Amino acid sequence: MRKIKVLLVDDHHLVRTGIRRLLEDQAGETSIEVVGEASSGEEAITLARSHRPEVVMMDVSMPGIGGMEATRRLLGHDPNLKIIALTVHAEGPFPRRLLKIGAMGYLTKGCGVEEMILAIRKAVSGEHYISSDIAQQLALASVPGNQDSPFDALSQREMQVLLMITEGYRAQAISKQLSLSPKTISTYKSRLQEKLKVKTDVELVRLALRHGVVGQGNVH
């Protein structure tokens, strides 16, 4: 029986354990083998290279570089890798951004195991899969007259710096994580404040919360 090799990426051990059991307990024509678990985007990159999964189930909001940057780097290394976002973020700019980067699917953590397995099988066969609630949000966002999110104007790197700010990282720590100079990080922060029309990190976090870029539980 053919087995699809899957790598799980989530910063919560219990979440990874639960998903592993759900996936491996499912019998069928195509079985699933969880070949590894990563608690961060950085660890995901390392494990993907050593374990060579076909599919990566990727959380979006994690400490460090996070799921979006990890997705970009993984696909840069292996364009044939199938990445499915599995996250609490059904709204905000994440679905559109991740799909644009090259993710094959986008699921919310409230989905059932059957939907998760369907998304994995479709990804392996080269088809995209998006949860119905997220597909509806994307459709509504494309309707003329609907107001765009101010975060849509941010570059990939600006969004990465923004997410790390909401997680409580200071400029020096962001600089180290992203391998950029403190001066460069300061420039990104200035651009963020200018584009989003805020003056402080606190205002930045509040705006991110209001637009669903981060959840209350992700702010430190």
C-alpha atoms as a PDB file:
ATOM      1  CA  MET A   1       0.000   0.000   0.000  1.00  0.00           C
ATOM      2  CA  ARG A   2       1.377   3.396  -0.985  1.00  0.00           C
ATOM      3  CA  LYS A   3       2.132   5.741   1.895  1.00  0.00           C
ATOM      4  CA  ILE A   4       2.127   9.519   1.677  1.00  0.00           C
ATOM      5  CA  LYS A   5       4.962  10.948   3.759  1.00  0.00           C
ATOM      6  CA  VAL A   6       3.830  13.928   5.840  1.00  0.00           C
ATOM      7  CA  LEU A   7       5.741  16.377   8.037  1.00  0.00           C
ATOM      8  CA  LEU A   8       3.751  18.125  10.793  1.00  0.00           C
ATOM      9  CA  VAL A   9       4.741  21.668  11.782  1.00  0.00           C
ATOM     10  CA  ASP A  10       3.147  23.315  14.826  1.00  0.00           C
ATOM     11  CA  ASP A  11       4.621  24.913  17.933  1.00  0.00           C
ATOM     12  CA  HIS A  12       2.192  23.043  20.218  1.00  0.00           C
ATOM     13  CA  HIS A  13       3.193  19.459  21.023  1.00  0.00           C
ATOM     14  CA  LEU A  14      -0.370  18.381  21.851  1.00  0.00           C
ATOM     15  CA  VAL A  15      -1.654  19.660  18.518  1.00  0.00           C
ATOM     16  CA  ARG A  16       1.005  17.708  16.617  1.00  0.00           C
ATOM     17  CA  THR A  17       0.319  14.563  18.647  1.00  0.00           C
ATOM     18  CA  GLY A  18      -3.417  14.826  18.013  1.00  0.00           C
ATOM     19  CA  ILE A  19      -3.030  15.344  14.265  1.00  0.00           C
ATOM     20  CA  ARG A  20      -0.524  12.486  14.008  1.00  0.00           C
ATOM     21  CA  ARG A  21      -2.928  10.055  15.668  1.00  0.00           C
ATOM     22  CA  LEU A  22      -5.860  11.179  13.542  1.00  0.00           C
ATOM     23  CA  LEU A  23      -3.922  10.796  10.301  1.00  0.00           C
ATOM     24  CA  GLU A  24      -2.251   7.495  11.109  1.00  0.00           C
ATOM     25  CA  ASP A  25      -5.470   5.935  12.424  1.00  0.00           C
ATOM     26  CA  GLN A  26      -7.196   6.381   9.092  1.00  0.00           C
ATOM     27  CA  ALA A  27      -7.206   3.250   6.940  1.00  0.00           C
ATOM     28  CA  GLY A  28      -7.797   3.426   3.234  1.00  0.00           C
ATOM     29  CA  GLU A  29      -6.483   2.954  -0.234  1.00  0.00           C
ATOM     30  CA  THR A  30      -3.788   5.530   0.448  1.00  0.00           C
ATOM     31  CA  SER A  31      -2.310   5.546   3.943  1.00  0.00           C
ATOM     32  CA  ILE A  32      -0.378   8.363   5.549  1.00  0.00           C
ATOM     33  CA  GLU A  33       2.932   8.151   7.351  1.00  0.00           C
ATOM     34  CA  VAL A  34       4.000  11.040   9.590  1.00  0.00           C
ATOM     35  CA  VAL A  35       7.760  11.083   9.075  1.00  0.00           C
ATOM     36  CA  GLY A  36       8.527  13.926  11.466  1.00  0.00           C
ATOM     37  CA  GLU A  37       7.304  16.750  13.673  1.00  0.00           C
ATOM     38  CA  ALA A  38       8.685  20.280  13.855  1.00  0.00           C
ATOM     39  CA  SER A  39       7.897  22.955  16.424  1.00  0.00           C
ATOM     40  CA  SER A  40       9.133  25.920  14.356  1.00  0.00           C
ATOM     41  CA  GLY A  41       9.687  27.053  10.796  1.00  0.00           C
ATOM     42  CA  GLU A  42      13.432  26.690  11.217  1.00  0.00           C
ATOM     43  CA  GLU A  43      13.094  23.096  12.399  1.00  0.00           C
ATOM     44  CA  ALA A  44      10.690  22.365   9.546  1.00  0.00           C
ATOM     45  CA  ILE A  45      13.325  23.393   7.002  1.00  0.00           C
ATOM     46  CA  THR A  46      15.910  21.113   8.604  1.00  0.00           C
ATOM     47  CA  LEU A  47      13.570  18.117   8.885  1.00  0.00           C
ATOM     48  CA  ALA A  48      12.194  18.522   5.368  1.00  0.00           C
ATOM     49  CA  ARG A  49      15.694  18.164   3.970  1.00  0.00           C
ATOM     50  CA  SER A  50      16.503  15.068   6.015  1.00  0.00           C
ATOM     51  CA  HIS A  51      13.113  13.293   5.969  1.00  0.00           C
ATOM     52  CA  ARG A  52      12.008  14.275   2.430  1.00  0.00           C
ATOM     53  CA  PRO A  53       8.225  14.423   3.019  1.00  0.00           C
ATOM     54  CA  GLU A  54       5.791  14.785   0.147  1.00  0.00           C
ATOM     55  CA  VAL A  55       3.442  17.007   2.142  1.00  0.00           C
ATOM     56  CA  VAL A  56       4.027  19.524   4.938  1.00  0.00           C
ATOM     57  CA  MET A  57       1.129  20.476   7.208  1.00  0.00           C
ATOM     58  CA  MET A  58       2.215  23.990   8.192  1.00  0.00           C
ATOM     59  CA  ASP A  59       0.988  26.146  11.050  1.00  0.00           C
ATOM     60  CA  VAL A  60       1.129  29.855  10.228  1.00  0.00           C
ATOM     61  CA  SER A  61       1.710  31.553  13.592  1.00  0.00           C
ATOM     62  CA  MET A  62       4.828  30.222  15.283  1.00  0.00           C
ATOM     63  CA  PRO A  63       7.824  31.747  17.070  1.00  0.00           C
ATOM     64  CA  GLY A  64      10.819  32.564  14.882  1.00  0.00           C
ATOM     65  CA  ILE A  65      10.465  32.904  11.132  1.00  0.00           C
ATOM     66  CA  GLY A  66       6.902  31.541  11.227  1.00  0.00           C
ATOM     67  CA  GLY A  67       4.959  29.422   8.770  1.00  0.00           C
ATOM     68  CA  MET A  68       4.750  31.882   5.893  1.00  0.00           C
ATOM     69  CA  GLU A  69       8.504  32.456   5.630  1.00  0.00           C
ATOM     70  CA  ALA A  70       9.157  28.740   6.198  1.00  0.00           C
ATOM     71  CA  THR A  71       6.804  27.965   3.301  1.00  0.00           C
ATOM     72  CA  ARG A  72       8.642  30.377   1.034  1.00  0.00           C
ATOM     73  CA  ARG A  73      12.047  28.900   1.919  1.00  0.00           C
ATOM     74  CA  LEU A  74      10.905  25.284   1.628  1.00  0.00           C
ATOM     75  CA  LEU A  75       9.415  25.830  -1.815  1.00  0.00           C
ATOM     76  CA  GLY A  76      12.515  27.750  -2.861  1.00  0.00           C
ATOM     77  CA  HIS A  77      14.558  24.653  -2.033  1.00  0.00           C
ATOM     78  CA  ASP A  78      12.050  22.110  -3.412  1.00  0.00           C
ATOM     79  CA  PRO A  79       9.288  23.488  -5.688  1.00  0.00           C
ATOM     80  CA  ASN A  80       7.673  20.026  -5.849  1.00  0.00           C
ATOM     81  CA  LEU A  81       6.986  19.924  -2.105  1.00  0.00           C
ATOM     82  CA  LYS A  82       3.273  20.192  -1.262  1.00  0.00           C
ATOM     83  CA  ILE A  83       2.496  22.538   1.621  1.00  0.00           C
ATOM     84  CA  ILE A  84      -0.899  22.790   3.295  1.00  0.00           C
ATOM     85  CA  ALA A  85      -1.526  25.552   5.815  1.00  0.00           C
ATOM     86  CA  LEU A  86      -3.370  24.346   8.908  1.00  0.00           C
ATOM     87  CA  THR A  87      -4.165  27.343  11.069  1.00  0.00           C
ATOM     88  CA  VAL A  88      -6.665  29.252  13.175  1.00  0.00           C
ATOM     89  CA  HIS A  89      -6.521  32.193  10.731  1.00  0.00           C
ATOM     90  CA  ALA A  90      -9.551  31.940   8.451  1.00  0.00           C
ATOM     91  CA  GLU A  91      -9.515  35.678   7.746  1.00  0.00           C
ATOM     92  CA  GLY A  92      -6.911  38.333   7.126  1.00  0.00           C
ATOM     93  CA  PRO A  93      -4.192  38.328   4.458  1.00  0.00           C
ATOM     94  CA  PHE A  94      -2.749  34.871   5.191  1.00  0.00           C
ATOM     95  CA  PRO A  95      -4.807  32.638   2.851  1.00  0.00           C
ATOM     96  CA  ARG A  96      -4.182  34.776  -0.220  1.00  0.00           C
ATOM     97  CA  ARG A  97      -0.498  35.293   0.606  1.00  0.00           C
ATOM     98  CA  LEU A  98       0.251  31.629   1.280  1.00  0.00           C
ATOM     99  CA  LEU A  99      -1.540  30.476  -1.858  1.00  0.00           C
ATOM    100  CA  LYS A 100       0.361  33.099  -3.849  1.00  0.00           C
ATOM    101  CA  ILE A 101       3.662  31.821  -2.415  1.00  0.00           C
ATOM    102  CA  GLY A 102       2.755  28.344  -3.630  1.00  0.00           C
ATOM    103  CA  ALA A 103       0.891  26.516  -0.855  1.00  0.00           C
ATOM    104  CA  MET A 104      -1.409  23.791  -2.214  1.00  0.00           C
ATOM    105  CA  GLY A 105      -4.047  24.033   0.492  1.00  0.00           C
ATOM    106  CA  TYR A 106      -5.418  26.075   3.352  1.00  0.00           C
ATOM    107  CA  LEU A 107      -7.378  24.520   6.234  1.00  0.00           C
ATOM    108  CA  THR A 108      -8.570  25.805   9.573  1.00  0.00           C
ATOM    109  CA  LYS A 109      -7.832  23.790  12.704  1.00  0.00           C
ATOM    110  CA  GLY A 110     -11.552  23.252  13.144  1.00  0.00           C
ATOM    111  CA  CYS A 111     -11.706  20.982  10.094  1.00  0.00           C
ATOM    112  CA  GLY A 112     -12.404  17.255  10.412  1.00  0.00           C
ATOM    113  CA  VAL A 113      -9.846  14.533   9.777  1.00  0.00           C
ATOM    114  CA  GLU A 114     -11.662  13.490   6.584  1.00  0.00           C
ATOM    115  CA  GLU A 115     -11.201  16.977   5.136  1.00  0.00           C
ATOM    116  CA  MET A 116      -7.549  16.994   6.208  1.00  0.00           C
ATOM    117  CA  ILE A 117      -6.895  13.688   4.442  1.00  0.00           C
ATOM    118  CA  LEU A 118      -8.794  14.888   1.346  1.00  0.00           C
ATOM    119  CA  ALA A 119      -6.582  17.990   1.213  1.00  0.00           C
ATOM    120  CA  ILE A 120      -3.422  15.855   1.511  1.00  0.00           C
ATOM    121  CA  ARG A 121      -4.516  13.493  -1.268  1.00  0.00           C
ATOM    122  CA  LYS A 122      -5.496  16.354  -3.556  1.00  0.00           C
ATOM    123  CA  ALA A 123      -2.178  18.108  -2.921  1.00  0.00           C
ATOM    124  CA  VAL A 124      -0.231  14.976  -3.838  1.00  0.00           C
ATOM    125  CA  SER A 125      -2.211  14.710  -7.072  1.00  0.00           C
ATOM    126  CA  GLY A 126      -1.448  18.344  -7.899  1.00  0.00           C
ATOM    127  CA  GLU A 127      -4.820  19.856  -6.936  1.00  0.00           C
ATOM    128  CA  HIS A 128      -5.427  22.764  -4.589  1.00  0.00           C
ATOM    129  CA  TYR A 129      -7.799  22.419  -1.653  1.00  0.00           C
ATOM    130  CA  ILE A 130      -9.238  25.304   0.369  1.00  0.00           C
ATOM    131  CA  SER A 131     -11.730  24.980   3.238  1.00  0.00           C
ATOM    132  CA  SER A 132     -15.154  26.284   2.241  1.00  0.00           C
ATOM    133  CA  ASP A 133     -15.163  29.064   4.858  1.00  0.00           C
ATOM    134  CA  ILE A 134     -11.795  30.332   3.641  1.00  0.00           C
ATOM    135  CA  ALA A 135     -12.844  30.059  -0.009  1.00  0.00           C
ATOM    136  CA  GLN A 136     -15.860  32.209   0.837  1.00  0.00           C
ATOM    137  CA  GLN A 137     -13.651  34.847   2.466  1.00  0.00           C
ATOM    138  CA  LEU A 138     -11.392  34.932  -0.604  1.00  0.00           C
ATOM    139  CA  ALA A 139     -14.402  35.255  -2.895  1.00  0.00           C
ATOM    140  CA  LEU A 140     -15.864  38.126  -0.854  1.00  0.00           C
ATOM    141  CA  ALA A 141     -12.515  39.896  -0.787  1.00  0.00           C
ATOM    142  CA  SER A 142     -12.452  39.902  -4.596  1.00  0.00           C
ATOM    143  CA  VAL A 143     -15.897  41.539  -4.914  1.00  0.00           C
ATOM    144  CA  PRO A 144     -15.561  45.106  -6.263  1.00  0.00           C
ATOM    145  CA  GLY A 145     -16.264  47.699  -3.592  1.00  0.00           C
ATOM    146  CA  ASN A 146     -15.082  45.605  -0.670  1.00  0.00           C
ATOM    147  CA  GLN A 147     -12.420  47.435   1.306  1.00  0.00           C
ATOM    148  CA  ASP A 148      -8.943  45.961   1.040  1.00  0.00           C
ATOM    149  CA  SER A 149      -6.973  45.201   4.179  1.00  0.00           C
ATOM    150  CA  PRO A 150      -4.185  47.743   4.824  1.00  0.00           C
ATOM    151  CA  PHE A 151      -1.896  44.720   5.253  1.00  0.00           C
ATOM    152  CA  ASP A 152      -2.330  43.766   1.592  1.00  0.00           C
ATOM    153  CA  ALA A 153       0.142  46.519   0.689  1.00  0.00           C
ATOM    154  CA  LEU A 154       2.959  44.988   2.763  1.00  0.00           C
ATOM    155  CA  SER A 155       5.829  43.113   1.195  1.00  0.00           C
ATOM    156  CA  GLN A 156       6.636  39.558   2.255  1.00  0.00           C
ATOM    157  CA  ARG A 157       9.501  40.738   4.482  1.00  0.00           C
ATOM    158  CA  GLU A 158       7.467  43.563   5.998  1.00  0.00           C
ATOM    159  CA  MET A 159       4.768  41.060   6.939  1.00  0.00           C
ATOM    160  CA  GLN A 160       7.403  38.811   8.516  1.00  0.00           C
ATOM    161  CA  VAL A 161       8.764  41.664  10.642  1.00  0.00           C
ATOM    162  CA  LEU A 162       5.205  42.631  11.608  1.00  0.00           C
ATOM    163  CA  LEU A 163       4.399  39.117  12.816  1.00  0.00           C
ATOM    164  CA  MET A 164       7.560  38.973  14.913  1.00  0.00           C
ATOM    165  CA  ILE A 165       6.707  42.336  16.491  1.00  0.00           C
ATOM    166  CA  THR A 166       3.270  41.007  17.483  1.00  0.00           C
ATOM    167  CA  GLU A 167       5.008  37.996  19.054  1.00  0.00           C
ATOM    168  CA  GLY A 168       7.013  40.294  21.304  1.00  0.00           C
ATOM    169  CA  TYR A 169      10.364  40.128  19.522  1.00  0.00           C
ATOM    170  CA  ARG A 170      12.567  43.207  19.875  1.00  0.00           C
ATOM    171  CA  ALA A 171      14.575  44.615  16.968  1.00  0.00           C
ATOM    172  CA  GLN A 172      17.803  42.856  18.002  1.00  0.00           C
ATOM    173  CA  ALA A 173      16.068  39.453  18.185  1.00  0.00           C
ATOM    174  CA  ILE A 174      14.315  40.008  14.841  1.00  0.00           C
ATOM    175  CA  SER A 175      17.662  40.954  13.339  1.00  0.00           C
ATOM    176  CA  LYS A 176      19.220  37.718  14.559  1.00  0.00           C
ATOM    177  CA  GLN A 177      16.324  35.486  13.462  1.00  0.00           C
ATOM    178  CA  LEU A 178      16.129  36.937   9.949  1.00  0.00           C
ATOM    179  CA  SER A 179      19.902  37.407   9.512  1.00  0.00           C
ATOM    180  CA  LEU A 180      19.478  41.112   8.806  1.00  0.00           C
ATOM    181  CA  SER A 181      21.225  44.100  10.365  1.00  0.00           C
ATOM    182  CA  PRO A 182      19.479  46.021  13.189  1.00  0.00           C
ATOM    183  CA  LYS A 183      19.515  49.070  10.915  1.00  0.00           C
ATOM    184  CA  THR A 184      17.609  47.139   8.230  1.00  0.00           C
ATOM    185  CA  ILE A 185      15.021  45.993  10.787  1.00  0.00           C
ATOM    186  CA  SER A 186      14.618  49.590  11.933  1.00  0.00           C
ATOM    187  CA  THR A 187      13.975  50.595   8.316  1.00  0.00           C
ATOM    188  CA  TYR A 188      11.315  47.890   7.972  1.00  0.00           C
ATOM    189  CA  LYS A 189       9.611  49.065  11.165  1.00  0.00           C
ATOM    190  CA  SER A 190       9.539  52.629   9.853  1.00  0.00           C
ATOM    191  CA  ARG A 191       7.989  51.422   6.583  1.00  0.00           C
ATOM    192  CA  LEU A 192       5.377  49.454   8.493  1.00  0.00           C
ATOM    193  CA  GLN A 193       4.379  52.473  10.552  1.00  0.00           C
ATOM    194  CA  GLU A 194       4.220  54.649   7.443  1.00  0.00           C
ATOM    195  CA  LYS A 195       2.183  52.187   5.353  1.00  0.00           C
ATOM    196  CA  LEU A 196      -0.193  51.293   8.177  1.00  0.00           C
ATOM    197  CA  LYS A 197      -0.406  54.858   9.530  1.00  0.00           C
ATOM    198  CA  VAL A 198       0.555  53.977  13.109  1.00  0.00           C
ATOM    199  CA  LYS A 199       3.201  55.480  15.373  1.00  0.00           C
ATOM    200  CA  THR A 200       4.021  52.749  17.907  1.00  0.00           C
ATOM    201  CA  ASP A 201       4.331  48.965  18.175  1.00  0.00           C
ATOM    202  CA  VAL A 202       1.251  48.943  20.416  1.00  0.00           C
ATOM    203  CA  GLU A 203      -0.839  50.610  17.706  1.00  0.00           C
ATOM    204  CA  LEU A 204       0.601  48.167  15.191  1.00  0.00           C
ATOM    205  CA  VAL A 205      -0.477  45.168  17.275  1.00  0.00           C
ATOM    206  CA  ARG A 206      -3.954  46.605  17.818  1.00  0.00           C
ATOM    207  CA  LEU A 207      -4.393  47.097  14.073  1.00  0.00           C
ATOM    208  CA  ALA A 208      -3.206  43.541  13.409  1.00  0.00           C
ATOM    209  CA  LEU A 209      -5.748  42.213  15.916  1.00  0.00           C
ATOM    210  CA  ARG A 210      -8.552  44.273  14.388  1.00  0.00           C
ATOM    211  CA  HIS A 211      -7.905  42.893  10.893  1.00  0.00           C
ATOM    212  CA  GLY A 212      -7.445  39.277  11.939  1.00  0.00           C
ATOM    213  CA  VAL A 213      -3.735  39.191  11.090  1.00  0.00           C
ATOM    214  CA  VAL A 214      -3.074  37.759  14.550  1.00  0.00           C
ATOM    215  CA  GLY A 215      -5.356  36.288  17.199  1.00  0.00           C
ATOM    216  CA  GLN A 216      -5.500  37.425  20.804  1.00  0.00           C
ATOM    217  CA  GLY A 217      -3.688  34.271  21.890  1.00  0.00           C
ATOM    218  CA  ASN A 218      -0.787  34.944  19.518  1.00  0.00           C
ATOM    219  CA  VAL A 219       0.093  38.354  20.967  1.00  0.00           C
ATOM    220  CA  HIS A 220       2.774  38.508  23.637  1.00  0.00           C
END
